[in-house]
Amino acid sequence: MSAVVIYDSHYGHTEKYARWIANELQISLYRLDEIGALDLTTYDTIVFGGPVFHGRVKIANLVNTLIPALYDKHILLFTVGLHPIDATYFKHICVDNFNYLVQQYGDFFQLRGATNHDKMGRWHRLSVWWIKKIGRAIAEEHVKRIRGNDHKSNRFSESLSAISATDCRSGSLL
C-alpha cells in the first residue's frame, strides 16, 4: 500500500495529527503548500487534513478539485476544530464544504483541536472569548436546529460518524 498525508494547518494542531498519522503508518507527509506537482494518482490511499474555522474546512477546495481524478483511491479526510464532536453537526460541516463526489468517496473524521493564544490573532482571540461567553447557548440551539432540519445531509450514509482523538490514536484511521 502506498499512502500519503496532505494537510494544512493554521495554529499547528492539524499538523500534529498529520505528523502522528504519517509517523505511525510510515508514509509520506506534505503540507498543502509543498505538494506542487506531486502526482497523487500514484498513491492507493490519500489522507487529507485541515482545520475548521467558522464552519469552513481550509483544505476543502483542493479536495473538491482533485476528487474526479482520485475516485478509485481510498480517500480519508480529517478535520480539526473546536466545535463539539457531534455527528449531526459534523455531517453539516462536510455537506457545506465538500462536493457530492467527495462525500461519496471519502471517509470523514473530526478530531478535537485546541487553542494557542500566543499564535492567535486578535480576531480569533475575540471569537474564542465570544464562544466561551455567549456561544455555548447559541451552539446548542444551532445543533437543535440542524437536527430538526436534516434534509440537506440525507445523501450521507448513516455510517458517517465523528471520532475522538483517542479513537484515532488507536489506529482506526486506516
Protein backbone atom coordinates (compact mmCIF):
# COMPACT_ATOMS: atom_id res chain seq x y z
CA MET A 1 0.00 0.00 0.00
CA SER A 2 1.30 3.42 -0.89
CA ALA A 3 -0.17 6.29 1.09
CA VAL A 4 0.37 9.98 1.71
CA VAL A 5 -0.85 12.61 4.15
CA ILE A 6 -1.54 16.12 2.84
CA TYR A 7 -2.52 18.75 5.37
CA ASP A 8 -2.89 22.42 6.03
CA SER A 9 -2.58 23.89 9.49
CA HIS A 10 -3.10 27.35 10.88
CA TYR A 11 -2.06 27.07 14.52
CA GLY A 12 -0.27 23.71 14.42
CA HIS A 13 -2.88 21.29 15.77
CA THR A 14 -3.74 19.78 12.39
CA GLU A 15 -0.03 19.44 11.71
CA LYS A 16 0.42 17.46 14.95
CA TYR A 17 -2.28 14.99 13.90
CA ALA A 18 -0.90 14.77 10.35
CA ARG A 19 2.64 14.08 11.61
CA TRP A 20 1.34 11.48 14.05
CA ILE A 21 -0.59 9.66 11.30
CA ALA A 22 2.38 9.77 8.89
CA ASN A 23 4.81 8.57 11.57
CA GLU A 24 2.60 5.74 12.81
CA LEU A 25 1.93 4.48 9.28
CA GLN A 26 5.41 5.32 7.99
CA ILE A 27 4.05 7.21 4.99
CA SER A 28 4.91 10.47 3.23
CA LEU A 29 3.77 13.80 4.66
CA TYR A 30 3.27 17.05 2.73
CA ARG A 31 1.99 20.42 3.79
CA LEU A 32 -0.52 21.81 1.30
CA ASP A 33 1.91 24.45 0.02
CA GLU A 34 4.57 21.76 -0.59
CA ILE A 35 2.68 19.42 -2.92
CA GLY A 36 3.42 21.35 -6.13
CA ALA A 37 3.41 18.85 -9.00
CA LEU A 38 3.03 15.77 -6.76
CA ASP A 39 1.13 13.09 -8.69
CA LEU A 40 -1.48 11.85 -6.21
CA THR A 41 -2.74 9.20 -8.63
CA THR A 42 0.35 7.12 -7.78
CA TYR A 43 -0.94 6.55 -4.23
CA ASP A 44 -3.52 3.98 -3.12
CA THR A 45 -4.58 5.92 -0.02
CA ILE A 46 -4.62 9.69 0.41
CA VAL A 47 -5.26 11.30 3.78
CA PHE A 48 -6.25 14.98 3.71
CA GLY A 49 -6.32 17.05 6.89
CA GLY A 50 -7.38 20.60 7.53
CA PRO A 51 -8.62 22.92 10.25
CA VAL A 52 -12.20 24.14 10.55
CA PHE A 53 -12.69 27.88 11.08
CA HIS A 54 -16.21 29.25 11.41
CA GLY A 55 -17.68 26.21 9.67
CA ARG A 56 -15.25 26.26 6.73
CA VAL A 57 -12.69 23.49 6.11
CA LYS A 58 -9.48 25.06 4.87
CA ILE A 59 -8.41 22.20 2.56
CA ALA A 60 -11.88 21.61 1.02
CA ASN A 61 -11.28 23.48 -2.26
CA LEU A 62 -8.23 21.36 -3.07
CA VAL A 63 -10.04 18.11 -2.28
CA ASN A 64 -13.12 19.13 -4.30
CA THR A 65 -10.89 19.94 -7.29
CA LEU A 66 -8.81 16.74 -7.12
CA ILE A 67 -11.52 14.16 -6.39
CA PRO A 68 -12.53 13.42 -10.02
CA ALA A 69 -9.01 12.12 -10.69
CA LEU A 70 -8.89 10.19 -7.39
CA TYR A 71 -12.26 8.44 -7.31
CA ASP A 72 -10.58 5.00 -7.38
CA LYS A 73 -8.35 5.80 -4.38
CA HIS A 74 -9.06 5.37 -0.69
CA ILE A 75 -9.67 8.94 0.48
CA LEU A 76 -9.67 9.82 4.15
CA LEU A 77 -10.37 13.33 5.39
CA PHE A 78 -9.85 14.60 8.89
CA THR A 79 -10.77 17.99 10.20
CA VAL A 80 -9.58 19.62 13.38
CA GLY A 81 -11.73 22.15 15.18
CA LEU A 82 -13.03 23.45 18.47
CA HIS A 83 -16.70 22.75 17.79
CA PRO A 84 -18.29 19.85 19.65
CA ILE A 85 -17.70 16.41 18.22
CA ASP A 86 -21.31 15.79 17.27
CA ALA A 87 -22.11 13.50 14.31
CA THR A 88 -25.08 15.56 13.10
CA TYR A 89 -23.22 18.86 13.27
CA PHE A 90 -20.16 17.29 11.62
CA LYS A 91 -22.28 15.96 8.75
CA HIS A 92 -23.36 19.52 8.06
CA ILE A 93 -19.75 20.71 8.08
CA CYS A 94 -18.96 18.05 5.46
CA VAL A 95 -22.03 18.78 3.31
CA ASP A 96 -21.35 22.53 3.36
CA ASN A 97 -17.67 22.16 2.42
CA PHE A 98 -17.29 19.10 0.21
CA ASN A 99 -18.93 18.30 -3.11
CA TYR A 100 -21.03 15.21 -3.77
CA LEU A 101 -18.12 13.11 -5.12
CA VAL A 102 -16.01 13.76 -2.03
CA GLN A 103 -18.98 12.89 0.18
CA GLN A 104 -19.45 9.60 -1.68
CA TYR A 105 -15.80 8.50 -1.89
CA GLY A 106 -14.29 9.96 1.27
CA ASP A 107 -14.23 8.71 4.84
CA PHE A 108 -14.57 11.64 7.24
CA PHE A 109 -13.22 12.09 10.76
CA GLN A 110 -13.43 15.02 13.17
CA LEU A 111 -10.61 15.47 15.68
CA ARG A 112 -10.55 17.84 18.63
CA GLY A 113 -8.46 20.97 18.23
CA ALA A 114 -7.13 23.34 20.86
CA THR A 115 -6.31 27.00 21.22
CA ASN A 116 -2.90 28.61 21.38
CA HIS A 117 -3.39 32.22 22.44
CA ASP A 118 0.24 33.10 21.66
CA LYS A 119 -0.31 32.33 17.96
CA MET A 120 -3.84 33.68 17.69
CA GLY A 121 -4.63 36.95 16.02
CA ARG A 122 -6.97 39.48 17.58
CA TRP A 123 -10.00 38.22 15.60
CA HIS A 124 -9.53 34.60 16.68
CA ARG A 125 -8.95 35.56 20.31
CA LEU A 126 -12.18 37.57 20.20
CA SER A 127 -14.00 34.61 18.60
CA VAL A 128 -12.80 32.23 21.31
CA TRP A 129 -13.82 34.69 24.03
CA TRP A 130 -17.24 35.06 22.40
CA ILE A 131 -17.73 31.32 22.11
CA LYS A 132 -16.88 30.88 25.78
CA LYS A 133 -19.06 33.77 26.90
CA ILE A 134 -22.09 33.59 24.63
CA GLY A 135 -21.60 30.88 22.08
CA ARG A 136 -22.40 27.80 24.16
CA ALA A 137 -26.13 28.51 24.25
CA ILE A 138 -26.12 29.55 20.60
CA ALA A 139 -24.17 26.41 19.60
CA GLU A 140 -26.67 24.22 21.47
CA GLU A 141 -29.55 25.96 19.69
CA HIS A 142 -27.73 25.57 16.35
CA VAL A 143 -27.32 21.82 16.90
CA LYS A 144 -31.03 21.54 17.81
CA ARG A 145 -31.97 23.45 14.64
CA ILE A 146 -29.72 21.26 12.48
CA ARG A 147 -31.17 18.08 13.95
CA GLY A 148 -34.65 19.35 13.17
CA ASN A 149 -33.69 20.30 9.59
CA ASP A 150 -31.58 17.36 8.46
CA HIS A 151 -32.76 17.13 4.84
CA LYS A 152 -29.52 18.52 3.37
CA SER A 153 -27.34 15.75 4.81
CA ASN A 154 -29.54 12.79 3.84
CA ARG A 155 -27.21 11.95 0.97
CA PHE A 156 -24.62 10.95 3.55
CA SER A 157 -24.78 7.37 4.65
CA GLU A 158 -25.78 6.80 8.25
CA SER A 159 -22.39 5.24 8.89
CA LEU A 160 -20.72 8.66 8.88
CA SER A 161 -19.58 9.29 12.40
CA ALA A 162 -17.30 11.65 14.20
CA ILE A 163 -14.47 10.10 16.16
CA SER A 164 -12.45 11.36 19.03
CA ALA A 165 -8.71 11.79 19.06
CA THR A 166 -8.49 8.73 21.30
CA ASP A 167 -10.09 6.58 18.59
CA CYS A 168 -7.61 7.99 16.08
CA ARG A 169 -4.67 7.11 18.31
CA SER A 170 -5.83 3.50 18.42
CA GLY A 171 -5.04 3.22 14.72
CA SER A 172 -8.62 3.09 13.43
CA LEU A 173 -7.97 5.79 10.85
CA LEU A 174 -6.69 3.39 8.19
